[in-house]
């Protein structure tokens, strides 16, 4: 579920890896269906759209993992690692190429 949410947010919201890693719970605005990206490209804050299906998955993810500060926490409780994001994308693309998705 975590990996699905990560891939969905990167794709649907057009997030960069660093922006995704820095997302906090407060950055998800489910009422307005927006995701707030702090210190995005060029050092500016911006909002991006939050899809209905992504929100459903994020709610499931929240129930399973119960993040406290950062939306995606790493194994040691801090931020999720950038190299972990790259590995998730690589594995998903290999599954897509091999027809397993």
PDB file of N, CA and C in Angstrom:
ATOM      1  N   UNK A   1       0.832  -1.195   0.000  1.00  0.00           N
ATOM      2  CA  UNK A   1       0.000   0.000   0.000  1.00  0.00           C
ATOM      3  C   UNK A   1       0.875   1.255   0.000  1.00  0.00           C
ATOM      4  N   UNK A   2       1.948   1.232   0.794  1.00  0.00           N
ATOM      5  CA  UNK A   2       2.830   2.390   0.859  1.00  0.00           C
ATOM      6  C   UNK A   2       3.428   2.681  -0.513  1.00  0.00           C
ATOM      7  N   UNK A   3       3.900   1.651  -1.185  1.00  0.00           N
ATOM      8  CA  UNK A   3       4.531   1.834  -2.492  1.00  0.00           C
ATOM      9  C   UNK A   3       3.524   2.317  -3.529  1.00  0.00           C
ATOM     10  N   UNK A   4       2.312   1.804  -3.446  1.00  0.00           N
ATOM     11  CA  UNK A   4       1.264   2.242  -4.367  1.00  0.00           C
ATOM     12  C   UNK A   4       0.979   3.729  -4.172  1.00  0.00           C
ATOM     13  N   UNK A   5       0.904   4.174  -2.946  1.00  0.00           N
ATOM     14  CA  UNK A   5       0.650   5.584  -2.653  1.00  0.00           C
ATOM     15  C   UNK A   5       1.810   6.460  -3.132  1.00  0.00           C
ATOM     16  N   UNK A   6       3.019   5.983  -2.924  1.00  0.00           N
ATOM     17  CA  UNK A   6       4.194   6.737  -3.364  1.00  0.00           C
ATOM     18  C   UNK A   6       4.171   6.913  -4.881  1.00  0.00           C
ATOM     19  N   UNK A   7       3.963   5.826  -5.607  1.00  0.00           N
ATOM     20  CA  UNK A   7       3.927   5.892  -7.064  1.00  0.00           C
ATOM     21  C   UNK A   7       2.760   6.745  -7.559  1.00  0.00           C
ATOM     22  N   UNK A   8       1.620   6.616  -6.930  1.00  0.00           N
ATOM     23  CA  UNK A   8       0.440   7.385  -7.342  1.00  0.00           C
ATOM     24  C   UNK A   8       0.658   8.877  -7.155  1.00  0.00           C
ATOM     25  N   UNK A   9       1.237   9.265  -6.038  1.00  0.00           N
ATOM     26  CA  UNK A   9       1.477  10.689  -5.787  1.00  0.00           C
ATOM     27  C   UNK A   9       2.529  11.261  -6.735  1.00  0.00           C
ATOM     28  N   UNK A  10       3.589  10.515  -6.966  1.00  0.00           N
ATOM     29  CA  UNK A  10       4.622  10.994  -7.884  1.00  0.00           C
ATOM     30  C   UNK A  10       4.020  11.228  -9.269  1.00  0.00           C
ATOM     31  N   UNK A  11       3.236  10.255  -9.728  1.00  0.00           N
ATOM     32  CA  UNK A  11       2.673  10.330 -11.067  1.00  0.00           C
ATOM     33  C   UNK A  11       1.550  11.367 -11.173  1.00  0.00           C
ATOM     34  N   UNK A  12       0.548  11.242 -10.323  1.00  0.00           N
ATOM     35  CA  UNK A  12      -0.643  12.084 -10.474  1.00  0.00           C
ATOM     36  C   UNK A  12      -0.406  13.538 -10.079  1.00  0.00           C
ATOM     37  N   UNK A  13       0.431  13.751  -9.080  1.00  0.00           N
ATOM     38  CA  UNK A  13       0.667  15.117  -8.615  1.00  0.00           C
ATOM     39  C   UNK A  13       1.914  15.736  -9.244  1.00  0.00           C
ATOM     40  N   UNK A  14       2.655  14.946  -9.999  1.00  0.00           N
ATOM     41  CA  UNK A  14       3.852  15.473 -10.643  1.00  0.00           C
ATOM     42  C   UNK A  14       4.930  15.857  -9.644  1.00  0.00           C
ATOM     43  N   UNK A  15       5.068  15.044  -8.592  1.00  0.00           N
ATOM     44  CA  UNK A  15       6.028  15.376  -7.544  1.00  0.00           C
ATOM     45  C   UNK A  15       7.418  14.860  -7.882  1.00  0.00           C
ATOM     46  N   UNK A  16       8.400  15.596  -7.446  1.00  0.00           N
ATOM     47  CA  UNK A  16       9.773  15.125  -7.503  1.00  0.00           C
ATOM     48  C   UNK A  16      10.028  14.281  -6.259  1.00  0.00           C
ATOM     49  N   UNK A  17      11.090  13.512  -6.315  1.00  0.00           N
ATOM     50  CA  UNK A  17      11.418  12.614  -5.210  1.00  0.00           C
ATOM     51  C   UNK A  17      11.586  13.389  -3.902  1.00  0.00           C
ATOM     52  N   UNK A  18      12.317  14.487  -3.930  1.00  0.00           N
ATOM     53  CA  UNK A  18      12.543  15.276  -2.717  1.00  0.00           C
ATOM     54  C   UNK A  18      11.260  15.850  -2.142  1.00  0.00           C
ATOM     55  N   UNK A  19      10.367  16.284  -3.017  1.00  0.00           N
ATOM     56  CA  UNK A  19       9.085  16.830  -2.555  1.00  0.00           C
ATOM     57  C   UNK A  19       8.248  15.744  -1.895  1.00  0.00           C
ATOM     58  N   UNK A  20       8.272  14.554  -2.468  1.00  0.00           N
ATOM     59  CA  UNK A  20       7.509  13.441  -1.899  1.00  0.00           C
ATOM     60  C   UNK A  20       8.045  13.066  -0.517  1.00  0.00           C
ATOM     61  N   UNK A  21       9.352  13.000  -0.400  1.00  0.00           N
ATOM     62  CA  UNK A  21       9.965  12.617   0.875  1.00  0.00           C
ATOM     63  C   UNK A  21       9.610  13.605   1.980  1.00  0.00           C
ATOM     64  N   UNK A  22       9.495  14.881   1.626  1.00  0.00           N
ATOM     65  CA  UNK A  22       9.239  15.924   2.614  1.00  0.00           C
ATOM     66  C   UNK A  22       7.765  16.168   2.906  1.00  0.00           C
ATOM     67  N   UNK A  23       6.868  15.418   2.262  1.00  0.00           N
ATOM     68  CA  UNK A  23       5.436  15.604   2.522  1.00  0.00           C
ATOM     69  C   UNK A  23       5.100  15.248   3.964  1.00  0.00           C
ATOM     70  N   UNK A  24       4.296  16.106   4.560  1.00  0.00           N
ATOM     71  CA  UNK A  24       3.820  15.860   5.921  1.00  0.00           C
ATOM     72  C   UNK A  24       2.316  15.649   5.873  1.00  0.00           C
ATOM     73  N   UNK A  25       1.771  15.104   6.929  1.00  0.00           N
ATOM     74  CA  UNK A  25       0.331  14.850   6.984  1.00  0.00           C
ATOM     75  C   UNK A  25      -0.471  16.120   6.723  1.00  0.00           C
ATOM     76  N   UNK A  26      -0.009  17.231   7.258  1.00  0.00           N
ATOM     77  CA  UNK A  26      -0.734  18.492   7.112  1.00  0.00           C
ATOM     78  C   UNK A  26      -0.739  19.008   5.677  1.00  0.00           C
ATOM     79  N   UNK A  27       0.111  18.442   4.817  1.00  0.00           N
ATOM     80  CA  UNK A  27       0.194  18.888   3.422  1.00  0.00           C
ATOM     81  C   UNK A  27      -0.904  18.295   2.547  1.00  0.00           C
ATOM     82  N   UNK A  28      -1.628  17.318   3.055  1.00  0.00           N
ATOM     83  CA  UNK A  28      -2.726  16.708   2.304  1.00  0.00           C
ATOM     84  C   UNK A  28      -4.024  17.403   2.707  1.00  0.00           C
ATOM     85  N   UNK A  29      -4.606  18.126   1.764  1.00  0.00           N
ATOM     86  CA  UNK A  29      -5.850  18.859   2.004  1.00  0.00           C
ATOM     87  C   UNK A  29      -6.991  18.113   1.306  1.00  0.00           C
ATOM     88  N   UNK A  30      -7.640  17.218   2.037  1.00  0.00           N
ATOM     89  CA  UNK A  30      -8.675  16.378   1.438  1.00  0.00           C
ATOM     90  C   UNK A  30      -9.957  17.156   1.139  1.00  0.00           C
ATOM     91  N   UNK A  31     -10.190  18.244   1.834  1.00  0.00           N
ATOM     92  CA  UNK A  31     -11.394  19.043   1.574  1.00  0.00           C
ATOM     93  C   UNK A  31     -11.292  19.759   0.234  1.00  0.00           C
ATOM     94  N   UNK A  32     -10.135  20.314  -0.035  1.00  0.00           N
ATOM     95  CA  UNK A  32      -9.930  21.048  -1.293  1.00  0.00           C
ATOM     96  C   UNK A  32      -9.308  20.173  -2.384  1.00  0.00           C
ATOM     97  N   UNK A  33      -8.976  18.908  -2.020  1.00  0.00           N
ATOM     98  CA  UNK A  33      -8.375  17.947  -2.952  1.00  0.00           C
ATOM     99  C   UNK A  33      -7.060  18.478  -3.537  1.00  0.00           C
ATOM    100  N   UNK A  34      -6.204  18.967  -2.628  1.00  0.00           N
ATOM    101  CA  UNK A  34      -4.914  19.517  -3.014  1.00  0.00           C
ATOM    102  C   UNK A  34      -3.805  18.937  -2.145  1.00  0.00           C
ATOM    103  N   UNK A  35      -2.611  18.943  -2.700  1.00  0.00           N
ATOM    104  CA  UNK A  35      -1.409  18.571  -1.962  1.00  0.00           C
ATOM    105  C   UNK A  35      -0.496  19.779  -1.943  1.00  0.00           C
ATOM    106  N   UNK A  36      -0.064  20.183  -0.760  1.00  0.00           N
ATOM    107  CA  UNK A  36       0.831  21.329  -0.629  1.00  0.00           C
ATOM    108  C   UNK A  36       2.271  20.830  -0.697  1.00  0.00           C
ATOM    109  N   UNK A  37       3.050  21.451  -1.572  1.00  0.00           N
ATOM    110  CA  UNK A  37       4.455  21.093  -1.724  1.00  0.00           C
ATOM    111  C   UNK A  37       5.271  22.291  -1.248  1.00  0.00           C
ATOM    112  N   UNK A  38       5.963  22.121  -0.120  1.00  0.00           N
ATOM    113  CA  UNK A  38       6.796  23.188   0.416  1.00  0.00           C
ATOM    114  C   UNK A  38       8.171  23.147  -0.229  1.00  0.00           C
ATOM    115  N   UNK A  39       8.701  24.315  -0.491  1.00  0.00           N
ATOM    116  CA  UNK A  39      10.065  24.453  -1.003  1.00  0.00           C
ATOM    117  C   UNK A  39      10.279  23.591  -2.255  1.00  0.00           C
ATOM    118  N   UNK A  40       9.354  23.738  -3.194  1.00  0.00           N
ATOM    119  CA  UNK A  40       9.424  22.970  -4.445  1.00  0.00           C
ATOM    120  C   UNK A  40      10.538  23.533  -5.331  1.00  0.00           C
ATOM    121  N   UNK A  41      10.545  23.147  -6.572  1.00  0.00           N
ATOM    122  CA  UNK A  41      11.556  23.615  -7.514  1.00  0.00           C
ATOM    123  C   UNK A  41      11.599  25.146  -7.506  1.00  0.00           C
ATOM    124  N   UNK A  42      12.771  25.679  -7.406  1.00  0.00           N
ATOM    125  CA  UNK A  42      12.916  27.124  -7.349  1.00  0.00           C
ATOM    126  C   UNK A  42      12.693  27.684  -5.955  1.00  0.00           C
ATOM    127  N   UNK A  43      12.541  26.799  -4.965  1.00  0.00           N
ATOM    128  CA  UNK A  43      12.371  27.240  -3.579  1.00  0.00           C
ATOM    129  C   UNK A  43      11.001  27.809  -3.277  1.00  0.00           C
ATOM    130  N   UNK A  44      10.041  27.598  -4.150  1.00  0.00           N
ATOM    131  CA  UNK A  44       8.699  28.145  -3.957  1.00  0.00           C
ATOM    132  C   UNK A  44       7.741  27.059  -3.473  1.00  0.00           C
ATOM    133  N   UNK A  45       6.759  27.478  -2.705  1.00  0.00           N
ATOM    134  CA  UNK A  45       5.696  26.569  -2.295  1.00  0.00           C
ATOM    135  C   UNK A  45       4.653  26.539  -3.406  1.00  0.00           C
ATOM    136  N   UNK A  46       4.009  25.387  -3.569  1.00  0.00           N
ATOM    137  CA  UNK A  46       2.969  25.278  -4.585  1.00  0.00           C
ATOM    138  C   UNK A  46       1.941  24.246  -4.146  1.00  0.00           C
ATOM    139  N   UNK A  47       0.814  24.254  -4.836  1.00  0.00           N
ATOM    140  CA  UNK A  47      -0.229  23.254  -4.620  1.00  0.00           C
ATOM    141  C   UNK A  47      -0.369  22.438  -5.893  1.00  0.00           C
ATOM    142  N   UNK A  48      -0.658  21.171  -5.723  1.00  0.00           N
ATOM    143  CA  UNK A  48      -0.909  20.290  -6.847  1.00  0.00           C
ATOM    144  C   UNK A  48      -2.173  19.495  -6.562  1.00  0.00           C
ATOM    145  N   UNK A  49      -2.799  19.003  -7.605  1.00  0.00           N
ATOM    146  CA  UNK A  49      -4.075  18.299  -7.445  1.00  0.00           C
ATOM    147  C   UNK A  49      -3.902  16.964  -6.735  1.00  0.00           C
ATOM    148  N   UNK A  50      -4.918  16.603  -5.996  1.00  0.00           N
ATOM    149  CA  UNK A  50      -4.963  15.321  -5.300  1.00  0.00           C
ATOM    150  C   UNK A  50      -6.139  14.538  -5.866  1.00  0.00           C
ATOM    151  N   UNK A  51      -5.855  13.449  -6.546  1.00  0.00           N
ATOM    152  CA  UNK A  51      -6.898  12.643  -7.172  1.00  0.00           C
ATOM    153  C   UNK A  51      -7.741  11.896  -6.147  1.00  0.00           C
ATOM    154  N   UNK A  52      -8.980  11.641  -6.511  1.00  0.00           N
ATOM    155  CA  UNK A  52      -9.912  10.940  -5.620  1.00  0.00           C
ATOM    156  C   UNK A  52      -9.408   9.542  -5.272  1.00  0.00           C
ATOM    157  N   UNK A  53      -8.906   8.803  -6.268  1.00  0.00           N
ATOM    158  CA  UNK A  53      -8.403   7.453  -6.009  1.00  0.00           C
ATOM    159  C   UNK A  53      -7.152   7.476  -5.142  1.00  0.00           C
ATOM    160  N   UNK A  54      -6.306   8.474  -5.350  1.00  0.00           N
ATOM    161  CA  UNK A  54      -5.097   8.606  -4.524  1.00  0.00           C
ATOM    162  C   UNK A  54      -5.498   8.874  -3.078  1.00  0.00           C
ATOM    163  N   UNK A  55      -6.491   9.720  -2.883  1.00  0.00           N
ATOM    164  CA  UNK A  55      -6.970  10.017  -1.528  1.00  0.00           C
ATOM    165  C   UNK A  55      -7.514   8.761  -0.850  1.00  0.00           C
ATOM    166  N   UNK A  56      -8.264   7.940  -1.587  1.00  0.00           N
ATOM    167  CA  UNK A  56      -8.773   6.683  -1.018  1.00  0.00           C
ATOM    168  C   UNK A  56      -7.615   5.791  -0.565  1.00  0.00           C
ATOM    169  N   UNK A  57      -6.606   5.683  -1.428  1.00  0.00           N
ATOM    170  CA  UNK A  57      -5.448   4.857  -1.081  1.00  0.00           C
ATOM    171  C   UNK A  57      -4.686   5.442   0.102  1.00  0.00           C
ATOM    172  N   UNK A  58      -4.555   6.763   0.156  1.00  0.00           N
ATOM    173  CA  UNK A  58      -3.864   7.400   1.280  1.00  0.00           C
ATOM    174  C   UNK A  58      -4.598   7.153   2.596  1.00  0.00           C
ATOM    175  N   UNK A  59      -5.895   7.122   2.546  1.00  0.00           N
ATOM    176  CA  UNK A  59      -6.679   6.832   3.763  1.00  0.00           C
ATOM    177  C   UNK A  59      -6.441   5.399   4.236  1.00  0.00           C
ATOM    178  N   UNK A  60      -6.390   4.456   3.293  1.00  0.00           N
ATOM    179  CA  UNK A  60      -6.072   3.067   3.643  1.00  0.00           C
ATOM    180  C   UNK A  60      -4.663   2.974   4.216  1.00  0.00           C
ATOM    181  N   UNK A  61      -3.735   3.659   3.552  1.00  0.00           N
ATOM    182  CA  UNK A  61      -2.339   3.674   4.007  1.00  0.00           C
ATOM    183  C   UNK A  61      -2.252   4.223   5.433  1.00  0.00           C
ATOM    184  N   UNK A  62      -2.985   5.299   5.695  1.00  0.00           N
ATOM    185  CA  UNK A  62      -2.958   5.910   7.026  1.00  0.00           C
ATOM    186  C   UNK A  62      -3.457   4.929   8.080  1.00  0.00           C
ATOM    187  N   UNK A  63      -4.507   4.192   7.776  1.00  0.00           N
ATOM    188  CA  UNK A  63      -5.042   3.209   8.721  1.00  0.00           C
ATOM    189  C   UNK A  63      -4.034   2.106   9.019  1.00  0.00           C
ATOM    190  N   UNK A  64      -3.268   1.713   8.004  1.00  0.00           N
ATOM    191  CA  UNK A  64      -2.292   0.631   8.181  1.00  0.00           C
ATOM    192  C   UNK A  64      -1.025   1.083   8.916  1.00  0.00           C
ATOM    193  N   UNK A  65      -0.487   2.232   8.528  1.00  0.00           N
ATOM    194  CA  UNK A  65       0.835   2.641   9.017  1.00  0.00           C
ATOM    195  C   UNK A  65       0.808   3.726  10.090  1.00  0.00           C
ATOM    196  N   UNK A  66      -0.279   4.467  10.184  1.00  0.00           N
ATOM    197  CA  UNK A  66      -0.436   5.523  11.185  1.00  0.00           C
ATOM    198  C   UNK A  66       0.787   6.447  11.285  1.00  0.00           C
ATOM    199  N   UNK A  67       1.130   7.123  10.180  1.00  0.00           N
ATOM    200  CA  UNK A  67       2.272   8.054  10.234  1.00  0.00           C
ATOM    201  C   UNK A  67       1.976   9.207  11.187  1.00  0.00           C
ATOM    202  N   UNK A  68       3.027   9.756  11.789  1.00  0.00           N
ATOM    203  CA  UNK A  68       2.848  10.823  12.772  1.00  0.00           C
ATOM    204  C   UNK A  68       3.167  12.184  12.182  1.00  0.00           C
ATOM    205  N   UNK A  69       4.350  12.364  11.639  1.00  0.00           N
ATOM    206  CA  UNK A  69       4.766  13.660  11.114  1.00  0.00           C
ATOM    207  C   UNK A  69       4.864  13.615   9.591  1.00  0.00           C
ATOM    208  N   UNK A  70       5.853  12.888   9.104  1.00  0.00           N
ATOM    209  CA  UNK A  70       6.012  12.749   7.655  1.00  0.00           C
ATOM    210  C   UNK A  70       5.013  11.730   7.131  1.00  0.00           C
ATOM    211  N   UNK A  71       4.510  11.976   5.935  1.00  0.00           N
ATOM    212  CA  UNK A  71       3.525  11.072   5.347  1.00  0.00           C
ATOM    213  C   UNK A  71       4.108   9.677   5.143  1.00  0.00           C
ATOM    214  N   UNK A  72       5.342   9.631   4.635  1.00  0.00           N
ATOM    215  CA  UNK A  72       6.011   8.351   4.438  1.00  0.00           C
ATOM    216  C   UNK A  72       7.233   8.293   5.335  1.00  0.00           C
ATOM    217  N   UNK A  73       7.159   7.441   6.353  1.00  0.00           N
ATOM    218  CA  UNK A  73       8.282   7.338   7.269  1.00  0.00           C
ATOM    219  C   UNK A  73       9.161   6.155   6.889  1.00  0.00           C
ATOM    220  N   UNK A  74      10.433   6.301   7.167  1.00  0.00           N
ATOM    221  CA  UNK A  74      11.384   5.247   6.885  1.00  0.00           C
ATOM    222  C   UNK A  74      11.384   4.190   7.971  1.00  0.00           C
ATOM    223  N   UNK A  75      12.267   3.231   7.827  1.00  0.00           N
ATOM    224  CA  UNK A  75      12.339   2.129   8.790  1.00  0.00           C
ATOM    225  C   UNK A  75      12.682   2.601  10.197  1.00  0.00           C
ATOM    226  N   UNK A  76      13.486   3.651  10.286  1.00  0.00           N
ATOM    227  CA  UNK A  76      13.921   4.139  11.599  1.00  0.00           C
ATOM    228  C   UNK A  76      13.041   5.266  12.118  1.00  0.00           C
ATOM    229  N   UNK A  77      11.907   5.504  11.475  1.00  0.00           N
ATOM    230  CA  UNK A  77      10.951   6.487  11.969  1.00  0.00           C
ATOM    231  C   UNK A  77      11.102   7.870  11.379  1.00  0.00           C
ATOM    232  N   UNK A  78      12.200   8.161  10.709  1.00  0.00           N
ATOM    233  CA  UNK A  78      12.402   9.468  10.096  1.00  0.00           C
ATOM    234  C   UNK A  78      11.798   9.517   8.706  1.00  0.00           C
ATOM    235  N   UNK A  79      12.381  10.357   7.879  1.00  0.00           N
ATOM    236  CA  UNK A  79      11.925  10.470   6.497  1.00  0.00           C
ATOM    237  C   UNK A  79      12.242   9.206   5.717  1.00  0.00           C
ATOM    238  N   UNK A  80      11.450   8.973   4.700  1.00  0.00           N
ATOM    239  CA  UNK A  80      11.704   7.873   3.767  1.00  0.00           C
ATOM    240  C   UNK A  80      12.921   8.257   2.939  1.00  0.00           C
ATOM    241  N   UNK A  81      13.751   7.310   2.578  1.00  0.00           N
ATOM    242  CA  UNK A  81      14.977   7.600   1.855  1.00  0.00           C
ATOM    243  C   UNK A  81      14.774   7.785   0.361  1.00  0.00           C
ATOM    244  N   UNK A  82      15.566   8.659  -0.225  1.00  0.00           N
ATOM    245  CA  UNK A  82      15.492   8.913  -1.656  1.00  0.00           C
ATOM    246  C   UNK A  82      15.847   7.696  -2.486  1.00  0.00           C
ATOM    247  N   UNK A  83      16.824   6.932  -2.033  1.00  0.00           N
ATOM    248  CA  UNK A  83      17.201   5.721  -2.776  1.00  0.00           C
ATOM    249  C   UNK A  83      16.087   4.677  -2.718  1.00  0.00           C
ATOM    250  N   UNK A  84      15.321   4.666  -1.655  1.00  0.00           N
ATOM    251  CA  UNK A  84      14.182   3.746  -1.557  1.00  0.00           C
ATOM    252  C   UNK A  84      13.131   4.082  -2.606  1.00  0.00           C
ATOM    253  N   UNK A  85      12.914   5.365  -2.847  1.00  0.00           N
ATOM    254  CA  UNK A  85      11.957   5.800  -3.864  1.00  0.00           C
ATOM    255  C   UNK A  85      12.406   5.319  -5.243  1.00  0.00           C
ATOM    256  N   UNK A  86      13.694   5.481  -5.524  1.00  0.00           N
ATOM    257  CA  UNK A  86      14.241   5.036  -6.807  1.00  0.00           C
ATOM    258  C   UNK A  86      14.037   3.537  -6.980  1.00  0.00           C
ATOM    259  N   UNK A  87      14.292   2.764  -5.929  1.00  0.00           N
ATOM    260  CA  UNK A  87      14.110   1.307  -5.997  1.00  0.00           C
ATOM    261  C   UNK A  87      12.653   0.927  -6.245  1.00  0.00           C
ATOM    262  N   UNK A  88      11.729   1.642  -5.630  1.00  0.00           N
ATOM    263  CA  UNK A  88      10.299   1.374  -5.831  1.00  0.00           C
ATOM    264  C   UNK A  88       9.930   1.607  -7.295  1.00  0.00           C
ATOM    265  N   UNK A  89      10.413   2.702  -7.858  1.00  0.00           N
ATOM    266  CA  UNK A  89      10.114   3.029  -9.257  1.00  0.00           C
ATOM    267  C   UNK A  89      10.737   1.997 -10.193  1.00  0.00           C
ATOM    268  N   UNK A  90      11.966   1.592  -9.912  1.00  0.00           N
ATOM    269  CA  UNK A  90      12.627   0.583 -10.749  1.00  0.00           C
ATOM    270  C   UNK A  90      11.864  -0.737 -10.736  1.00  0.00           C
ATOM    271  N   UNK A  91      11.480  -1.193  -9.537  1.00  0.00           N
ATOM    272  CA  UNK A  91      10.751  -2.458  -9.434  1.00  0.00           C
ATOM    273  C   UNK A  91       9.402  -2.396 -10.140  1.00  0.00           C
ATOM    274  N   UNK A  92       8.720  -1.269 -10.001  1.00  0.00           N
ATOM    275  CA  UNK A  92       7.414  -1.121 -10.654  1.00  0.00           C
ATOM    276  C   UNK A  92       7.562  -1.093 -12.171  1.00  0.00           C
ATOM    277  N   UNK A  93       8.593  -0.426 -12.663  1.00  0.00           N
ATOM    278  CA  UNK A  93       8.785  -0.363 -14.117  1.00  0.00           C
ATOM    279  C   UNK A  93       9.182  -1.735 -14.674  1.00  0.00           C
ATOM    280  N   UNK A  94       9.972  -2.503 -13.919  1.00  0.00           N
ATOM    281  CA  UNK A  94      10.328  -3.850 -14.377  1.00  0.00           C
ATOM    282  C   UNK A  94       9.106  -4.757 -14.414  1.00  0.00           C
ATOM    283  N   UNK A  95       8.213  -4.609 -13.432  1.00  0.00           N
ATOM    284  CA  UNK A  95       6.974  -5.397 -13.429  1.00  0.00           C
ATOM    285  C   UNK A  95       6.088  -4.999 -14.610  1.00  0.00           C
ATOM    286  N   UNK A  96       6.068  -3.716 -14.903  1.00  0.00           N
ATOM    287  CA  UNK A  96       5.258  -3.230 -16.022  1.00  0.00           C
ATOM    288  C   UNK A  96       5.794  -3.767 -17.344  1.00  0.00           C
ATOM    289  N   UNK A  97       7.105  -3.739 -17.494  1.00  0.00           N
ATOM    290  CA  UNK A  97       7.730  -4.218 -18.728  1.00  0.00           C
ATOM    291  C   UNK A  97       7.505  -5.722 -18.898  1.00  0.00           C
ATOM    292  N   UNK A  98       7.610  -6.471 -17.820  1.00  0.00           N
ATOM    293  CA  UNK A  98       7.462  -7.937 -17.900  1.00  0.00           C
ATOM    294  C   UNK A  98       5.998  -8.373 -17.961  1.00  0.00           C
ATOM    295  N   UNK A  99       5.076  -7.426 -17.803  1.00  0.00           N
ATOM    296  CA  UNK A  99       3.655  -7.743 -17.897  1.00  0.00           C
ATOM    297  C   UNK A  99       3.044  -8.272 -16.616  1.00  0.00           C
ATOM    298  N   UNK A 100       3.706  -8.082 -15.496  1.00  0.00           N
ATOM    299  CA  UNK A 100       3.194  -8.604 -14.220  1.00  0.00           C
ATOM    300  C   UNK A 100       2.274  -7.601 -13.520  1.00  0.00           C
ATOM    301  N   UNK A 101       2.089  -6.449 -14.122  1.00  0.00           N
ATOM    302  CA  UNK A 101       1.159  -5.466 -13.544  1.00  0.00           C
ATOM    303  C   UNK A 101      -0.071  -5.393 -14.416  1.00  0.00           C
TER     304      UNK A 101
END
